[in-house]
């Protein structure tokens, strides 16, 4: 006598293993793709260098203004009328 209905699988461990491997492959593929995009667009470099420019200007000039405006306000760029050197 031939059975007309398919018998259910009793061992599903193999299916779980295959699904787990496929999910791992998809996750690794997305991770590699994402890291490639971040590297190509230099995301980390932009994230660090943008704010660092403002901090560097503050360190150099003592003001939060642009470099050109900050340099003119820094005390080292002001001309002094008094000098310790008598020849000047």
C-alpha atoms as a PDB file:
ATOM      1  CA  UNK A   1       0.000   0.000   0.000  1.00  0.00           C
ATOM      2  CA  UNK A   2       1.411   3.379  -0.990  1.00  0.00           C
ATOM      3  CA  UNK A   3       1.155   6.324   1.337  1.00  0.00           C
ATOM      4  CA  UNK A   4      -0.212   9.438  -0.267  1.00  0.00           C
ATOM      5  CA  UNK A   5       0.906  11.915   2.384  1.00  0.00           C
ATOM      6  CA  UNK A   6       4.541  12.729   3.037  1.00  0.00           C
ATOM      7  CA  UNK A   7       5.801  11.642   6.397  1.00  0.00           C
ATOM      8  CA  UNK A   8       7.004  14.410   8.708  1.00  0.00           C
ATOM      9  CA  UNK A   9      10.707  14.523   9.406  1.00  0.00           C
ATOM     10  CA  UNK A  10      11.627  13.210  12.811  1.00  0.00           C
ATOM     11  CA  UNK A  11      15.107  14.725  12.897  1.00  0.00           C
ATOM     12  CA  UNK A  12      15.153  18.493  12.495  1.00  0.00           C
ATOM     13  CA  UNK A  13      18.685  19.068  13.794  1.00  0.00           C
ATOM     14  CA  UNK A  14      20.045  19.302  10.282  1.00  0.00           C
ATOM     15  CA  UNK A  15      17.555  22.007   9.333  1.00  0.00           C
ATOM     16  CA  UNK A  16      18.482  24.031  12.417  1.00  0.00           C
ATOM     17  CA  UNK A  17      22.169  23.767  11.507  1.00  0.00           C
ATOM     18  CA  UNK A  18      21.581  24.880   7.916  1.00  0.00           C
ATOM     19  CA  UNK A  19      19.423  27.827   9.013  1.00  0.00           C
ATOM     20  CA  UNK A  20      22.033  28.878  11.575  1.00  0.00           C
ATOM     21  CA  UNK A  21      24.829  28.764   8.980  1.00  0.00           C
ATOM     22  CA  UNK A  22      22.725  30.795   6.527  1.00  0.00           C
ATOM     23  CA  UNK A  23      21.954  33.423   9.175  1.00  0.00           C
ATOM     24  CA  UNK A  24      25.649  33.622  10.068  1.00  0.00           C
ATOM     25  CA  UNK A  25      26.573  34.083   6.411  1.00  0.00           C
ATOM     26  CA  UNK A  26      24.007  36.866   5.992  1.00  0.00           C
ATOM     27  CA  UNK A  27      25.234  38.594   9.175  1.00  0.00           C
ATOM     28  CA  UNK A  28      28.887  38.346   8.153  1.00  0.00           C
ATOM     29  CA  UNK A  29      28.062  39.583   4.657  1.00  0.00           C
ATOM     30  CA  UNK A  30      26.210  42.622   6.018  1.00  0.00           C
ATOM     31  CA  UNK A  31      29.057  43.330   8.440  1.00  0.00           C
ATOM     32  CA  UNK A  32      31.694  43.183   5.690  1.00  0.00           C
ATOM     33  CA  UNK A  33      29.567  45.349   3.396  1.00  0.00           C
ATOM     34  CA  UNK A  34      28.984  47.911   6.163  1.00  0.00           C
ATOM     35  CA  UNK A  35      32.650  48.064   7.121  1.00  0.00           C
ATOM     36  CA  UNK A  36      33.619  48.531   3.475  1.00  0.00           C
ATOM     37  CA  UNK A  37      31.193  51.430   3.103  1.00  0.00           C
ATOM     38  CA  UNK A  38      32.440  53.058   6.318  1.00  0.00           C
ATOM     39  CA  UNK A  39      36.049  52.673   5.173  1.00  0.00           C
ATOM     40  CA  UNK A  40      35.351  54.050   1.680  1.00  0.00           C
ATOM     41  CA  UNK A  41      33.482  57.084   2.978  1.00  0.00           C
ATOM     42  CA  UNK A  42      36.065  57.643   5.744  1.00  0.00           C
ATOM     43  CA  UNK A  43      33.316  57.946   8.339  1.00  0.00           C
ATOM     44  CA  UNK A  44      35.596  57.713  11.366  1.00  0.00           C
ATOM     45  CA  UNK A  45      38.030  60.238   9.922  1.00  0.00           C
ATOM     46  CA  UNK A  46      35.245  62.765   9.389  1.00  0.00           C
ATOM     47  CA  UNK A  47      33.871  62.067  12.845  1.00  0.00           C
ATOM     48  CA  UNK A  48      37.198  62.918  14.480  1.00  0.00           C
ATOM     49  CA  UNK A  49      38.655  65.609  12.219  1.00  0.00           C
ATOM     50  CA  UNK A  50      35.548  67.826  12.135  1.00  0.00           C
ATOM     51  CA  UNK A  51      35.404  68.637  15.851  1.00  0.00           C
ATOM     52  CA  UNK A  52      39.189  68.508  16.165  1.00  0.00           C
ATOM     53  CA  UNK A  53      39.566  71.527  13.858  1.00  0.00           C
ATOM     54  CA  UNK A  54      37.580  73.672  16.303  1.00  0.00           C
ATOM     55  CA  UNK A  55      39.547  72.381  19.275  1.00  0.00           C
ATOM     56  CA  UNK A  56      42.860  72.956  17.470  1.00  0.00           C
ATOM     57  CA  UNK A  57      41.919  76.583  16.745  1.00  0.00           C
ATOM     58  CA  UNK A  58      40.987  77.049  20.420  1.00  0.00           C
ATOM     59  CA  UNK A  59      44.338  75.621  21.510  1.00  0.00           C
ATOM     60  CA  UNK A  60      46.289  77.825  19.098  1.00  0.00           C
ATOM     61  CA  UNK A  61      44.405  81.106  19.422  1.00  0.00           C
ATOM     62  CA  UNK A  62      42.441  80.961  22.672  1.00  0.00           C
ATOM     63  CA  UNK A  63      39.102  81.724  20.977  1.00  0.00           C
ATOM     64  CA  UNK A  64      36.342  79.600  19.496  1.00  0.00           C
ATOM     65  CA  UNK A  65      36.293  81.713  16.333  1.00  0.00           C
ATOM     66  CA  UNK A  66      37.745  80.769  12.963  1.00  0.00           C
ATOM     67  CA  UNK A  67      41.495  80.512  12.598  1.00  0.00           C
ATOM     68  CA  UNK A  68      41.792  83.810  10.687  1.00  0.00           C
ATOM     69  CA  UNK A  69      39.720  85.757  13.229  1.00  0.00           C
ATOM     70  CA  UNK A  70      41.313  84.051  16.215  1.00  0.00           C
ATOM     71  CA  UNK A  71      44.892  84.764  15.144  1.00  0.00           C
ATOM     72  CA  UNK A  72      44.251  88.505  15.100  1.00  0.00           C
ATOM     73  CA  UNK A  73      42.925  88.421  18.670  1.00  0.00           C
ATOM     74  CA  UNK A  74      45.708  86.315  20.166  1.00  0.00           C
ATOM     75  CA  UNK A  75      48.023  88.318  22.466  1.00  0.00           C
ATOM     76  CA  UNK A  76      51.160  87.091  20.700  1.00  0.00           C
ATOM     77  CA  UNK A  77      50.107  88.831  17.494  1.00  0.00           C
ATOM     78  CA  UNK A  78      49.547  92.250  19.078  1.00  0.00           C
ATOM     79  CA  UNK A  79      52.251  94.855  18.643  1.00  0.00           C
ATOM     80  CA  UNK A  80      53.570  96.118  21.952  1.00  0.00           C
ATOM     81  CA  UNK A  81      54.676  99.653  22.610  1.00  0.00           C
ATOM     82  CA  UNK A  82      56.971  98.722  25.492  1.00  0.00           C
ATOM     83  CA  UNK A  83      59.984  96.471  25.165  1.00  0.00           C
ATOM     84  CA  UNK A  84      62.583  95.176  27.554  1.00  0.00           C
ATOM     85  CA  UNK A  85      65.247  95.596  24.906  1.00  0.00           C
ATOM     86  CA  UNK A  86      66.426  99.263  25.016  1.00  0.00           C
ATOM     87  CA  UNK A  87      67.537  99.166  21.365  1.00  0.00           C
ATOM     88  CA  UNK A  88      63.959  98.872  20.139  1.00  0.00           C
END
